[in-house]
Amino acid sequence: MDQRQLLRGIPLFAGLSEDELDALLEICRVRSCSRGELLFSDGEPAEGFFVVLTGKVKVYKLSAEGKERILHIVSSGGTFAEAAIFGNGLYPAYAEPVQKCSLLFLPKDAFLSLLFENGRMAVNMIAGLSHFLRQFTMQIEELTFKDVPSRLARYLMEVSERQCETFELPISKSQLASHLGTVSETLSRTFRKLTDEDLIRVDGKMITVLDFERLESLAEKCKDV
């Protein structure tokens, strides 16, 4: 997939004309990154935001004790750090590839100039930021009201897109534990529980959903609080 085709499929740039896409591509810079390379740190001045061409990037926070909490795993076609170019202009988290990546970097000043000239892109930006706000609200609800089996079930439903019976986890199980707000040992027990209940089958990072209906029911279950 070329850069123009990929950008056209991103909601943030939906509906842009060919000339507008040309203007966007003129300010983009392609960046190749290795696994584990730090793209930016929490609190750094935001110089721009990114589009993932290939690979995957984790966006995460660190506790005072240095414990990692993954906020997002961004795959091909996804964007990250766009909210940082507004407000106080600081990156609110850390970001690094979980595998070799190719990224498009959009510099802050040049992109904002395009945004001021293009009302459609500005509306798309607002919609995109609203989507991220809903995602964060859902994460808070998940951690507050759902136990680990329910969180894992929802994650598996999302990754499978409720259609693919067999798929590969896009991140390691230790990273998944962080993303779900738990520890590796608890996640392993939860995988065993879902396997014993014939909801899924696990072979390394390959997951097969055996019963979508029961898995979805578990994903919606709230814990007693």
C-alpha atoms as a PDB file:
ATOM      1  CA  MET A   1       0.000   0.000   0.000  1.00  0.00           C
ATOM      2  CA  ASP A   2       1.456   3.387  -0.977  1.00  0.00           C
ATOM      3  CA  GLN A   3       1.411   6.436   1.281  1.00  0.00           C
ATOM      4  CA  ARG A   4      -1.406   8.186  -0.596  1.00  0.00           C
ATOM      5  CA  GLN A   5      -3.673   5.141  -0.413  1.00  0.00           C
ATOM      6  CA  LEU A   6      -2.931   4.668   3.283  1.00  0.00           C
ATOM      7  CA  LEU A   7      -3.597   8.321   4.139  1.00  0.00           C
ATOM      8  CA  ARG A   8      -6.870   8.241   2.204  1.00  0.00           C
ATOM      9  CA  GLY A   9      -8.066   5.385   4.433  1.00  0.00           C
ATOM     10  CA  ILE A  10      -7.341   7.189   7.717  1.00  0.00           C
ATOM     11  CA  PRO A  11     -10.451   8.848   9.241  1.00  0.00           C
ATOM     12  CA  LEU A  12      -8.475  11.993  10.064  1.00  0.00           C
ATOM     13  CA  PHE A  13      -7.878  12.581   6.333  1.00  0.00           C
ATOM     14  CA  ALA A  14     -11.189  11.247   5.003  1.00  0.00           C
ATOM     15  CA  GLY A  15     -12.711  13.269   2.175  1.00  0.00           C
ATOM     16  CA  LEU A  16      -9.581  15.219   1.287  1.00  0.00           C
ATOM     17  CA  SER A  17      -9.111  16.094  -2.371  1.00  0.00           C
ATOM     18  CA  GLU A  18      -6.112  14.947  -4.385  1.00  0.00           C
ATOM     19  CA  ASP A  19      -4.576  18.428  -4.095  1.00  0.00           C
ATOM     20  CA  GLU A  20      -5.093  18.398  -0.320  1.00  0.00           C
ATOM     21  CA  LEU A  21      -3.481  14.961  -0.084  1.00  0.00           C
ATOM     22  CA  ASP A  22      -0.567  16.296  -2.141  1.00  0.00           C
ATOM     23  CA  ALA A  23      -0.136  19.161   0.328  1.00  0.00           C
ATOM     24  CA  LEU A  24      -0.234  16.691   3.204  1.00  0.00           C
ATOM     25  CA  LEU A  25       2.338  14.385   1.612  1.00  0.00           C
ATOM     26  CA  GLU A  26       4.661  17.340   1.045  1.00  0.00           C
ATOM     27  CA  ILE A  27       5.038  17.916   4.788  1.00  0.00           C
ATOM     28  CA  CYS A  28       5.317  14.225   5.770  1.00  0.00           C
ATOM     29  CA  ARG A  29       8.657  12.652   6.542  1.00  0.00           C
ATOM     30  CA  VAL A  30       9.190   8.894   6.415  1.00  0.00           C
ATOM     31  CA  ARG A  31      10.997   7.447   9.411  1.00  0.00           C
ATOM     32  CA  SER A  32      12.247   3.876   9.849  1.00  0.00           C
ATOM     33  CA  CYS A  33      12.451   2.719  13.472  1.00  0.00           C
ATOM     34  CA  SER A  34      13.819  -0.335  15.221  1.00  0.00           C
ATOM     35  CA  ARG A  35      12.039  -2.281  17.936  1.00  0.00           C
ATOM     36  CA  GLY A  36      12.469  -0.553  21.305  1.00  0.00           C
ATOM     37  CA  GLU A  37      13.585   2.775  19.841  1.00  0.00           C
ATOM     38  CA  LEU A  38      12.166   5.606  21.945  1.00  0.00           C
ATOM     39  CA  LEU A  39      10.120   7.920  19.741  1.00  0.00           C
ATOM     40  CA  PHE A  40       9.320  10.436  22.453  1.00  0.00           C
ATOM     41  CA  SER A  41       9.107  10.692  26.239  1.00  0.00           C
ATOM     42  CA  ASP A  42       6.391  11.822  28.609  1.00  0.00           C
ATOM     43  CA  GLY A  43       6.622  15.603  29.059  1.00  0.00           C
ATOM     44  CA  GLU A  44       8.779  16.334  26.004  1.00  0.00           C
ATOM     45  CA  PRO A  45       7.729  19.224  23.747  1.00  0.00           C
ATOM     46  CA  ALA A  46       5.583  17.816  20.942  1.00  0.00           C
ATOM     47  CA  GLU A  47       7.213  18.388  17.571  1.00  0.00           C
ATOM     48  CA  GLY A  48       4.480  16.571  15.633  1.00  0.00           C
ATOM     49  CA  PHE A  49       2.534  13.351  15.413  1.00  0.00           C
ATOM     50  CA  PHE A  50       2.818  10.007  13.613  1.00  0.00           C
ATOM     51  CA  VAL A  51       1.057   7.648  11.208  1.00  0.00           C
ATOM     52  CA  VAL A  52       2.064   3.979  11.282  1.00  0.00           C
ATOM     53  CA  LEU A  53       2.840   2.672   7.787  1.00  0.00           C
ATOM     54  CA  THR A  54       4.058  -0.780   8.835  1.00  0.00           C
ATOM     55  CA  GLY A  55       4.651  -2.449  12.193  1.00  0.00           C
ATOM     56  CA  LYS A  56       3.209  -1.634  15.603  1.00  0.00           C
ATOM     57  CA  VAL A  57       3.919   1.031  18.227  1.00  0.00           C
ATOM     58  CA  LYS A  58       3.061   0.991  21.920  1.00  0.00           C
ATOM     59  CA  VAL A  59       2.077   4.177  23.733  1.00  0.00           C
ATOM     60  CA  TYR A  60       2.548   3.874  27.481  1.00  0.00           C
ATOM     61  CA  LYS A  61       2.948   5.586  30.841  1.00  0.00           C
ATOM     62  CA  LEU A  62       5.408   4.814  33.618  1.00  0.00           C
ATOM     63  CA  SER A  63       4.546   4.818  37.313  1.00  0.00           C
ATOM     64  CA  ALA A  64       6.793   6.427  39.920  1.00  0.00           C
ATOM     65  CA  GLU A  65       8.257   2.937  40.495  1.00  0.00           C
ATOM     66  CA  GLY A  66       8.965   2.525  36.771  1.00  0.00           C
ATOM     67  CA  LYS A  67       6.108   0.098  36.097  1.00  0.00           C
ATOM     68  CA  GLU A  68       4.844   0.251  32.522  1.00  0.00           C
ATOM     69  CA  ARG A  69       1.154   0.670  31.685  1.00  0.00           C
ATOM     70  CA  ILE A  70       0.335   0.346  27.992  1.00  0.00           C
ATOM     71  CA  LEU A  71      -2.346   2.769  26.819  1.00  0.00           C
ATOM     72  CA  HIS A  72      -2.533   1.874  23.131  1.00  0.00           C
ATOM     73  CA  ILE A  73      -1.027  -0.454  20.564  1.00  0.00           C
ATOM     74  CA  VAL A  74      -1.111   1.364  17.229  1.00  0.00           C
ATOM     75  CA  SER A  75      -1.001  -0.688  14.014  1.00  0.00           C
ATOM     76  CA  SER A  76      -0.693   0.124  10.311  1.00  0.00           C
ATOM     77  CA  GLY A  77      -2.985   2.991   9.353  1.00  0.00           C
ATOM     78  CA  GLY A  78      -3.257   4.240  12.929  1.00  0.00           C
ATOM     79  CA  THR A  79      -2.201   7.648  14.200  1.00  0.00           C
ATOM     80  CA  PHE A  80      -0.801   8.630  17.572  1.00  0.00           C
ATOM     81  CA  ALA A  81       0.269  11.756  19.503  1.00  0.00           C
ATOM     82  CA  GLU A  82      -1.981  14.073  17.473  1.00  0.00           C
ATOM     83  CA  ALA A  83      -3.582  15.474  20.650  1.00  0.00           C
ATOM     84  CA  ALA A  84      -0.132  16.561  21.833  1.00  0.00           C
ATOM     85  CA  ILE A  85       0.148  19.281  19.189  1.00  0.00           C
ATOM     86  CA  PHE A  86      -2.605  21.194  20.987  1.00  0.00           C
ATOM     87  CA  GLY A  87      -2.910  22.468  24.552  1.00  0.00           C
ATOM     88  CA  ASN A  88       0.402  22.707  26.399  1.00  0.00           C
ATOM     89  CA  GLY A  89       2.173  21.082  23.460  1.00  0.00           C
ATOM     90  CA  LEU A  90       3.776  18.286  25.479  1.00  0.00           C
ATOM     91  CA  TYR A  91       3.746  14.566  24.766  1.00  0.00           C
ATOM     92  CA  PRO A  92       1.572  12.967  27.496  1.00  0.00           C
ATOM     93  CA  ALA A  93       3.221   9.516  27.385  1.00  0.00           C
ATOM     94  CA  TYR A  94       6.070   7.441  25.965  1.00  0.00           C
ATOM     95  CA  ALA A  95       6.049   5.714  22.576  1.00  0.00           C
ATOM     96  CA  GLU A  96       8.250   3.012  21.071  1.00  0.00           C
ATOM     97  CA  PRO A  97       7.875   0.330  18.386  1.00  0.00           C
ATOM     98  CA  VAL A  98       7.183  -3.231  19.523  1.00  0.00           C
ATOM     99  CA  GLN A  99       8.574  -4.379  16.159  1.00  0.00           C
ATOM    100  CA  LYS A 100      10.428  -2.797  13.259  1.00  0.00           C
ATOM    101  CA  CYS A 101       8.304   0.079  11.957  1.00  0.00           C
ATOM    102  CA  SER A 102       7.950   2.517   9.120  1.00  0.00           C
ATOM    103  CA  LEU A 103       6.274   5.759  10.202  1.00  0.00           C
ATOM    104  CA  LEU A 104       5.116   9.002   8.667  1.00  0.00           C
ATOM    105  CA  PHE A 105       5.970  12.006  10.817  1.00  0.00           C
ATOM    106  CA  LEU A 106       3.829  15.142  10.446  1.00  0.00           C
ATOM    107  CA  PRO A 107       5.566  18.249  11.876  1.00  0.00           C
ATOM    108  CA  LYS A 108       3.417  20.315  14.203  1.00  0.00           C
ATOM    109  CA  ASP A 109       3.756  23.780  12.651  1.00  0.00           C
ATOM    110  CA  ALA A 110       3.338  22.641   9.054  1.00  0.00           C
ATOM    111  CA  PHE A 111       0.326  20.473   9.917  1.00  0.00           C
ATOM    112  CA  LEU A 112      -1.399  23.224  11.909  1.00  0.00           C
ATOM    113  CA  SER A 113      -0.988  25.546   8.936  1.00  0.00           C
ATOM    114  CA  LEU A 114      -2.805  23.000   6.764  1.00  0.00           C
ATOM    115  CA  LEU A 115      -5.447  22.574   9.444  1.00  0.00           C
ATOM    116  CA  PHE A 116      -6.200  26.300   9.545  1.00  0.00           C
ATOM    117  CA  GLU A 117      -6.670  26.268   5.761  1.00  0.00           C
ATOM    118  CA  ASN A 118      -8.851  23.158   5.610  1.00  0.00           C
ATOM    119  CA  GLY A 119     -12.167  23.061   7.441  1.00  0.00           C
ATOM    120  CA  ARG A 120     -12.858  19.425   6.577  1.00  0.00           C
ATOM    121  CA  MET A 121      -9.571  18.293   8.094  1.00  0.00           C
ATOM    122  CA  ALA A 122     -10.289  20.373  11.220  1.00  0.00           C
ATOM    123  CA  VAL A 123     -13.665  18.663  11.671  1.00  0.00           C
ATOM    124  CA  ASN A 124     -12.029  15.273  11.154  1.00  0.00           C
ATOM    125  CA  MET A 125      -9.434  16.138  13.792  1.00  0.00           C
ATOM    126  CA  ILE A 126     -12.167  16.962  16.306  1.00  0.00           C
ATOM    127  CA  ALA A 127     -13.908  13.664  15.535  1.00  0.00           C
ATOM    128  CA  GLY A 128     -10.631  11.762  15.920  1.00  0.00           C
ATOM    129  CA  LEU A 129      -9.854  13.331  19.288  1.00  0.00           C
ATOM    130  CA  SER A 130     -13.409  12.568  20.445  1.00  0.00           C
ATOM    131  CA  HIS A 131     -12.822   8.924  19.496  1.00  0.00           C
ATOM    132  CA  PHE A 132      -9.685   8.816  21.656  1.00  0.00           C
ATOM    133  CA  LEU A 133     -11.615  10.356  24.547  1.00  0.00           C
ATOM    134  CA  ARG A 134     -14.215   7.593  24.263  1.00  0.00           C
ATOM    135  CA  GLN A 135     -11.417   5.012  24.231  1.00  0.00           C
ATOM    136  CA  PHE A 136      -9.937   6.397  27.445  1.00  0.00           C
ATOM    137  CA  THR A 137     -13.376   6.489  29.068  1.00  0.00           C
ATOM    138  CA  MET A 138     -13.870   2.843  28.121  1.00  0.00           C
ATOM    139  CA  GLN A 139     -10.459   1.932  29.571  1.00  0.00           C
ATOM    140  CA  ILE A 140     -11.381   3.556  32.876  1.00  0.00           C
ATOM    141  CA  GLU A 141     -14.703   1.704  32.924  1.00  0.00           C
ATOM    142  CA  GLU A 142     -12.944  -1.582  32.107  1.00  0.00           C
ATOM    143  CA  LEU A 143     -10.457  -1.203  34.967  1.00  0.00           C
ATOM    144  CA  THR A 144     -13.130  -0.050  37.405  1.00  0.00           C
ATOM    145  CA  PHE A 145     -16.025  -2.358  36.676  1.00  0.00           C
ATOM    146  CA  LYS A 146     -14.628  -5.480  34.988  1.00  0.00           C
ATOM    147  CA  ASP A 147     -12.387  -8.286  36.149  1.00  0.00           C
ATOM    148  CA  VAL A 148      -9.443  -9.666  34.172  1.00  0.00           C
ATOM    149  CA  PRO A 149     -11.397 -12.436  32.349  1.00  0.00           C
ATOM    150  CA  SER A 150     -13.900  -9.857  31.099  1.00  0.00           C
ATOM    151  CA  ARG A 151     -11.128  -7.459  30.037  1.00  0.00           C
ATOM    152  CA  LEU A 152      -9.296 -10.244  28.206  1.00  0.00           C
ATOM    153  CA  ALA A 153     -12.493 -11.418  26.521  1.00  0.00           C
ATOM    154  CA  ARG A 154     -13.222  -7.915  25.246  1.00  0.00           C
ATOM    155  CA  TYR A 155      -9.652  -7.545  23.977  1.00  0.00           C
ATOM    156  CA  LEU A 156      -9.841 -10.848  22.098  1.00  0.00           C
ATOM    157  CA  MET A 157     -13.179  -9.863  20.560  1.00  0.00           C
ATOM    158  CA  GLU A 158     -11.695  -6.558  19.393  1.00  0.00           C
ATOM    159  CA  VAL A 159      -8.566  -8.128  17.901  1.00  0.00           C
ATOM    160  CA  SER A 160     -10.586 -10.815  16.130  1.00  0.00           C
ATOM    161  CA  GLU A 161     -13.058  -8.139  14.996  1.00  0.00           C
ATOM    162  CA  ARG A 162     -15.751 -10.681  15.955  1.00  0.00           C
ATOM    163  CA  GLN A 163     -15.131 -12.460  12.650  1.00  0.00           C
ATOM    164  CA  CYS A 164     -11.712 -14.133  12.527  1.00  0.00           C
ATOM    165  CA  GLU A 165     -11.732 -17.403  14.457  1.00  0.00           C
ATOM    166  CA  THR A 166      -7.942 -17.832  14.511  1.00  0.00           C
ATOM    167  CA  PHE A 167      -5.546 -14.909  14.828  1.00  0.00           C
ATOM    168  CA  GLU A 168      -2.162 -13.969  16.268  1.00  0.00           C
ATOM    169  CA  LEU A 169      -1.843 -11.699  19.273  1.00  0.00           C
ATOM    170  CA  PRO A 170      -0.297  -8.445  18.000  1.00  0.00           C
ATOM    171  CA  ILE A 171       1.774  -7.971  21.161  1.00  0.00           C
ATOM    172  CA  SER A 172       3.575 -10.188  23.658  1.00  0.00           C
ATOM    173  CA  LYS A 173       1.635 -11.621  26.598  1.00  0.00           C
ATOM    174  CA  SER A 174       3.637  -9.500  29.050  1.00  0.00           C
ATOM    175  CA  GLN A 175       2.673  -6.395  27.059  1.00  0.00           C
ATOM    176  CA  LEU A 176      -0.924  -7.588  26.968  1.00  0.00           C
ATOM    177  CA  ALA A 177      -0.904  -7.974  30.750  1.00  0.00           C
ATOM    178  CA  SER A 178       0.237  -4.363  31.055  1.00  0.00           C
ATOM    179  CA  HIS A 179      -2.407  -3.230  28.588  1.00  0.00           C
ATOM    180  CA  LEU A 180      -5.129  -4.972  30.621  1.00  0.00           C
ATOM    181  CA  GLY A 181      -3.873  -3.560  33.909  1.00  0.00           C
ATOM    182  CA  THR A 182      -2.768  -6.869  35.402  1.00  0.00           C
ATOM    183  CA  VAL A 183       0.363  -9.012  35.795  1.00  0.00           C
ATOM    184  CA  SER A 184       1.665 -11.866  33.636  1.00  0.00           C
ATOM    185  CA  GLU A 185       0.834 -14.577  36.175  1.00  0.00           C
ATOM    186  CA  THR A 186      -2.798 -13.477  36.404  1.00  0.00           C
ATOM    187  CA  LEU A 187      -3.063 -13.252  32.630  1.00  0.00           C
ATOM    188  CA  SER A 188      -1.688 -16.787  32.251  1.00  0.00           C
ATOM    189  CA  ARG A 189      -4.258 -18.103  34.726  1.00  0.00           C
ATOM    190  CA  THR A 190      -6.986 -16.265  32.836  1.00  0.00           C
ATOM    191  CA  PHE A 191      -5.932 -17.771  29.513  1.00  0.00           C
ATOM    192  CA  ARG A 192      -6.064 -21.211  31.174  1.00  0.00           C
ATOM    193  CA  LYS A 193      -9.519 -20.443  32.583  1.00  0.00           C
ATOM    194  CA  LEU A 194     -10.900 -19.449  29.177  1.00  0.00           C
ATOM    195  CA  THR A 195      -9.264 -22.526  27.626  1.00  0.00           C
ATOM    196  CA  ASP A 196     -10.683 -24.867  30.279  1.00  0.00           C
ATOM    197  CA  GLU A 197     -14.131 -23.399  29.666  1.00  0.00           C
ATOM    198  CA  ASP A 198     -13.782 -24.101  25.907  1.00  0.00           C
ATOM    199  CA  LEU A 199     -14.072 -20.440  24.980  1.00  0.00           C
ATOM    200  CA  ILE A 200     -10.678 -20.292  23.239  1.00  0.00           C
ATOM    201  CA  ARG A 201      -7.713 -22.437  22.258  1.00  0.00           C
ATOM    202  CA  VAL A 202      -4.181 -21.089  22.770  1.00  0.00           C
ATOM    203  CA  ASP A 203      -1.055 -22.120  20.872  1.00  0.00           C
ATOM    204  CA  GLY A 204       1.715 -19.681  21.751  1.00  0.00           C
ATOM    205  CA  LYS A 205       0.541 -16.316  20.372  1.00  0.00           C
ATOM    206  CA  MET A 206      -2.077 -17.966  18.143  1.00  0.00           C
ATOM    207  CA  ILE A 207      -5.618 -17.757  19.522  1.00  0.00           C
ATOM    208  CA  THR A 208      -8.655 -19.626  18.232  1.00  0.00           C
ATOM    209  CA  VAL A 209     -12.083 -18.447  19.397  1.00  0.00           C
ATOM    210  CA  LEU A 210     -14.284 -21.507  19.929  1.00  0.00           C
ATOM    211  CA  ASP A 211     -17.445 -19.754  21.105  1.00  0.00           C
ATOM    212  CA  PHE A 212     -17.951 -16.118  20.072  1.00  0.00           C
ATOM    213  CA  GLU A 213     -21.325 -15.823  21.796  1.00  0.00           C
ATOM    214  CA  ARG A 214     -20.059 -16.909  25.232  1.00  0.00           C
ATOM    215  CA  LEU A 215     -16.859 -14.867  24.850  1.00  0.00           C
ATOM    216  CA  GLU A 216     -18.897 -11.751  24.069  1.00  0.00           C
ATOM    217  CA  SER A 217     -21.149 -12.441  27.046  1.00  0.00           C
ATOM    218  CA  LEU A 218     -18.077 -12.633  29.280  1.00  0.00           C
ATOM    219  CA  ALA A 219     -16.723  -9.398  27.774  1.00  0.00           C
ATOM    220  CA  GLU A 220     -19.882  -7.574  28.848  1.00  0.00           C
ATOM    221  CA  LYS A 221     -19.922  -8.979  32.380  1.00  0.00           C
ATOM    222  CA  CYS A 222     -19.320  -6.566  35.250  1.00  0.00           C
ATOM    223  CA  LYS A 223     -17.601  -7.535  38.480  1.00  0.00           C
ATOM    224  CA  ASP A 224     -19.151  -7.016  41.882  1.00  0.00           C
ATOM    225  CA  VAL A 225     -18.005  -3.658  43.298  1.00  0.00           C
END
